[in-house]
Protein backbone atom coordinates (compact mmCIF):
# COMPACT_ATOMS: atom_id res chain seq x y z
CA MET A 1 -32.82 0.06 22.17
CA THR A 2 -35.25 1.92 24.36
CA ARG A 3 -34.36 5.11 22.55
CA ILE A 4 -34.86 3.18 18.93
CA LEU A 5 -38.22 1.64 20.18
CA THR A 6 -39.43 5.18 21.15
CA MET A 7 -38.62 6.84 17.95
CA SER A 8 -39.82 3.85 16.13
CA ILE A 9 -43.46 4.27 17.72
CA ALA A 10 -43.29 7.93 17.35
CA TRP A 11 -42.85 7.56 13.75
CA VAL A 12 -45.93 5.09 13.42
CA LEU A 13 -48.12 7.48 15.37
CA ILE A 14 -46.99 10.32 13.06
CA SER A 15 -47.45 8.35 10.05
CA THR A 16 -50.70 6.95 10.78
CA PRO A 17 -52.93 9.63 9.85
CA SER A 18 -51.30 9.81 6.47
CA ILE A 19 -51.77 6.45 5.93
CA TYR A 20 -55.42 6.42 6.66
CA ALA A 21 -56.03 9.71 5.38
CA GLN A 22 -59.07 9.93 3.25
CA ASP A 23 -59.17 11.02 -0.49
CA LEU A 24 -60.79 14.68 -0.48
CA SER A 25 -60.31 14.69 -4.28
CA ARG A 26 -63.21 12.06 -4.87
CA TYR A 27 -66.74 12.22 -4.36
CA ARG A 28 -68.68 8.98 -5.08
CA ASP A 29 -67.49 7.78 -8.31
CA PHE A 30 -66.37 11.26 -9.22
CA GLN A 31 -62.75 12.72 -9.07
CA LEU A 32 -61.44 16.30 -9.34
CA GLY A 33 -59.37 16.83 -12.66
CA MET A 34 -61.32 14.21 -14.48
CA SER A 35 -62.66 15.25 -17.99
CA LEU A 36 -65.75 16.77 -18.77
CA VAL A 37 -66.14 13.75 -21.27
CA SER A 38 -65.81 11.22 -18.35
CA VAL A 39 -68.35 12.88 -16.12
CA ALA A 40 -70.52 13.09 -18.96
CA GLU A 41 -70.36 9.32 -19.45
CA GLN A 42 -70.62 8.32 -15.83
CA THR A 43 -73.68 10.49 -15.65
CA GLY A 44 -75.41 9.52 -18.85
CA LEU A 45 -75.47 13.17 -19.95
CA THR A 46 -74.35 14.67 -23.39
CA PRO A 47 -70.68 15.83 -23.28
CA GLU A 48 -71.56 19.36 -24.13
CA GLY A 49 -71.19 21.47 -20.97
CA HIS A 50 -72.99 24.88 -20.78
CA VAL A 51 -70.35 27.63 -21.45
CA LEU A 52 -69.74 30.22 -19.18
CA HIS A 53 -66.65 31.89 -20.39
CA ARG A 54 -64.87 31.09 -23.55
CA ARG A 55 -61.61 33.32 -22.76
CA PRO A 56 -59.09 33.67 -21.69
CA HIS A 57 -59.85 30.02 -20.62
CA LEU A 58 -62.90 27.62 -21.27
CA ILE A 59 -65.01 27.81 -18.05
CA GLN A 60 -68.08 25.26 -18.35
CA GLU A 61 -70.96 23.72 -16.22
CA LEU A 62 -72.76 20.37 -16.14
CA MET A 63 -75.67 19.92 -14.13
CA TRP A 64 -76.68 16.06 -13.16
CA LEU A 65 -79.96 15.20 -11.46
CA PRO A 66 -79.53 11.61 -9.96
CA PRO A 67 -82.20 9.10 -10.72
CA ARG A 68 -84.80 9.05 -8.08
CA ALA A 69 -85.12 5.63 -6.35
CA LEU A 70 -88.46 4.06 -5.54
CA SER A 71 -90.20 5.43 -2.34
CA SER A 72 -90.20 1.63 -1.03
CA SER A 73 -86.50 1.41 -1.55
CA PRO A 74 -84.39 1.53 1.55
CA GLN A 75 -81.41 2.89 -0.23
CA GLN A 76 -83.23 6.26 -1.30
CA GLU A 77 -80.84 8.82 -3.13
CA SER A 78 -80.02 11.69 -0.82
CA VAL A 79 -78.56 13.99 -3.34
CA ARG A 80 -80.94 16.11 -5.32
CA LYS A 81 -78.49 17.54 -7.93
CA VAL A 82 -74.76 18.02 -8.72
CA LEU A 83 -73.35 21.03 -10.41
CA PHE A 84 -70.00 20.01 -11.96
CA ASN A 85 -67.80 23.07 -12.66
CA PHE A 86 -64.72 22.50 -15.35
CA TYR A 87 -61.70 24.75 -16.30
CA ASN A 88 -60.33 23.92 -19.62
CA GLY A 89 -62.24 20.62 -19.56
CA GLN A 90 -60.78 19.54 -16.19
CA LEU A 91 -63.39 19.09 -13.19
CA TYR A 92 -62.40 21.82 -10.49
CA ARG A 93 -65.54 21.88 -8.44
CA MET A 94 -68.68 19.77 -7.48
CA VAL A 95 -71.60 21.45 -5.73
CA VAL A 96 -73.79 18.85 -4.17
CA SER A 97 -77.11 19.74 -3.09
CA TYR A 98 -79.09 17.29 -0.63
CA ASP A 99 -82.81 16.57 -1.15
CA ARG A 100 -84.62 18.44 1.75
CA ASP A 101 -86.91 15.22 2.37
CA ARG A 102 -83.91 13.37 2.84
CA THR A 103 -82.08 15.70 5.30
CA LYS A 104 -85.47 16.85 6.84
CA GLY A 105 -84.98 16.71 10.81
CA LEU A 106 -80.99 16.22 10.61
CA THR A 107 -78.97 18.75 12.36
CA ALA A 108 -75.73 20.08 11.27
CA ALA A 109 -73.98 17.98 13.48
CA ASP A 110 -75.77 14.75 12.22
CA VAL A 111 -74.33 15.74 8.63
CA VAL A 112 -71.15 16.27 9.73
CA ASP A 113 -70.64 13.09 11.50
CA ALA A 114 -71.78 11.41 8.24
CA ILE A 115 -69.45 13.10 6.17
CA SER A 116 -66.54 12.83 8.72
CA ALA A 117 -67.35 8.89 8.62
CA LYS A 118 -66.20 8.89 5.13
CA TYR A 119 -63.41 11.98 4.95
CA GLY A 120 -62.23 12.08 8.71
CA VAL A 121 -62.67 14.65 11.39
CA ALA A 122 -63.56 17.99 10.06
CA THR A 123 -60.61 20.28 9.87
CA LEU A 124 -62.38 23.34 10.61
CA PRO A 125 -65.70 22.90 12.65
CA ALA A 126 -68.50 25.55 12.78
CA THR A 127 -67.15 27.29 15.67
CA GLU A 128 -63.87 28.09 13.85
CA ILE A 129 -65.48 29.07 10.38
CA THR A 130 -65.00 32.83 9.26
CA PRO A 131 -67.81 33.46 6.89
CA VAL A 132 -65.78 36.09 4.99
CA LEU A 133 -62.99 33.65 4.30
CA PHE A 134 -65.30 30.54 3.41
CA GLN A 135 -68.28 31.99 1.31
CA VAL A 136 -69.81 29.15 -0.53
CA SER A 137 -71.79 30.45 -3.42
CA ASP A 138 -74.34 33.02 -1.50
CA ASP A 139 -74.37 35.55 1.20
CA SER A 140 -77.26 33.61 2.95
CA ASP A 141 -75.16 30.34 2.82
CA LYS A 142 -73.93 29.28 6.27
CA VAL A 143 -70.74 27.21 6.35
CA GLU A 144 -71.23 24.26 9.02
CA ALA A 145 -67.63 22.70 8.74
CA ARG A 146 -64.77 22.04 6.42
CA TRP A 147 -62.21 19.39 5.56
CA GLU A 148 -59.19 19.98 3.51
CA ASP A 149 -55.72 19.26 3.01
CA PRO A 150 -52.96 21.17 0.78
CA ARG A 151 -54.77 20.34 -2.58
CA TYR A 152 -58.43 19.77 -1.74
CA ALA A 153 -61.17 21.16 0.20
CA LEU A 154 -64.66 20.09 1.12
CA THR A 155 -66.99 22.48 2.50
CA LEU A 156 -70.55 21.63 4.10
CA PHE A 157 -72.88 24.30 4.07
CA ARG A 158 -76.48 25.24 4.72
CA SER A 159 -78.67 27.50 2.37
CA SER A 160 -81.43 29.62 4.27
CA TYR A 161 -83.92 29.51 1.22
CA PRO A 162 -84.53 26.66 0.88
CA SER A 163 -83.66 25.39 3.97
CA THR A 164 -81.06 22.43 2.75
CA PHE A 165 -77.55 21.32 3.13
CA GLY A 166 -74.99 21.26 0.34
CA LEU A 167 -71.36 20.13 -0.16
CA VAL A 168 -68.74 21.69 -2.14
CA VAL A 169 -65.62 19.54 -3.32
CA SER A 170 -63.04 21.55 -4.74
CA SER A 171 -59.45 21.60 -6.30
CA LYS A 172 -57.56 24.52 -4.75
CA ARG A 173 -55.13 24.65 -7.61
CA LEU A 174 -57.71 24.49 -10.39
CA GLY A 175 -60.18 26.73 -8.42
CA ALA A 176 -57.60 29.30 -8.10
CA LEU A 177 -57.01 29.27 -11.87
CA ALA A 178 -60.71 29.29 -12.66
CA ARG A 179 -61.52 32.30 -10.54
CA THR A 180 -58.72 34.34 -12.27
CA ALA A 181 -60.07 33.38 -15.42
CA THR A 182 -63.44 34.13 -14.55
CA LEU A 183 -62.40 37.80 -13.24
CA GLU A 184 -60.49 38.24 -16.46
CA ALA A 185 -63.52 37.15 -18.66
CA VAL A 186 -65.78 39.67 -16.88
CA ARG A 187 -63.31 42.44 -17.52
CA LEU A 188 -63.12 41.76 -20.94
CA ASP A 189 -66.75 41.65 -21.45
CA GLU A 190 -67.26 45.00 -19.67
CA GLN A 191 -64.30 46.63 -21.80
CA GLU A 192 -65.83 45.57 -24.99
CA ALA A 193 -69.56 45.82 -23.91
CA PRO A 194 -69.92 49.26 -25.70
CA GLN A 195 -68.34 47.95 -29.07
CA ARG A 196 -70.71 44.84 -28.79
CA GLU A 197 -73.80 47.24 -28.47
CA ILE A 198 -72.79 49.23 -31.42
CA ALA A 199 -72.53 46.15 -33.57
CA ARG A 200 -75.84 44.80 -32.41
CA GLN A 201 -77.42 47.93 -33.42
CA GLN A 202 -75.96 48.08 -36.73
CA LYS A 203 -76.86 44.38 -37.41
CA GLN A 204 -80.31 45.12 -36.30
CA THR A 205 -80.63 48.31 -38.46
CA GLN A 206 -79.30 46.06 -41.40
CA GLU A 207 -81.98 43.21 -40.95
CA LYS A 208 -84.79 45.61 -40.82
CA ARG A 209 -83.38 47.46 -43.90
CA ALA A 210 -83.33 43.89 -45.61
CA GLU A 211 -86.90 43.16 -44.27
CA GLN A 212 -88.17 46.17 -45.66
CA ALA A 213 -86.46 45.84 -49.15
CA LYS A 214 -87.75 42.41 -49.44
CA ALA A 215 -91.52 43.34 -48.61
CA ARG A 216 -91.22 46.16 -51.06
CA SER A 217 -90.35 43.88 -54.00
CA VAL A 218 -93.19 41.84 -53.19
CA ASN A 219 -95.73 44.67 -52.61
CA LYS A 220 -94.69 47.11 -55.27
CA PRO A 221 -95.78 45.02 -58.30
CA THR A 222 -99.29 44.07 -56.82
CA PHE A 223 -100.05 47.50 -55.12
CA ARG A 224 -103.26 48.93 -56.35
CA PRO A 225 -104.38 52.44 -55.44
């Protein structure tokens, strides 16, 4: 009985973290994997994301500026903007930029504590971060902490200019697919750049000739020396 009781207690202790594990795929009312149309409906934006690449897969982004609360409101919005990234119409990353005025005076530890209250203790604190492995969006961005599980990751970073905090919420699987597709799109663009330049010049020449021909047809009958 003692052995069974010991094993039961151990199972409960092992299982407890998974029971209370936070959902790293969600940020507020948005969830990784949701469609661009669904994100647009929730944010009140038109479902026409800015196209970054069309091939080999569709890569789009959508920028959302949350409505500002009244200055007298105790629940002022801390988020300045959110950039949503989509792979073939699926949300694979959210880059949250916090308002400088709402984070003024806060230390990195303050922000980490606030995020940890929702997502649990950081998997990697700042002291364990390798900048090369966890670069966010710019060389000047400093990663302060990271929360992750096998499928999703949250990365808290601080930009040096302007000095503010940000949070990246990403799907590891979709993010990897998007990175591969982006690299291939860039390769294709560079490969076809010379031919596109030739086509552009030819079109420009044809348009110039058409313009001159039109002007000639108008001016020739009325020209008087």
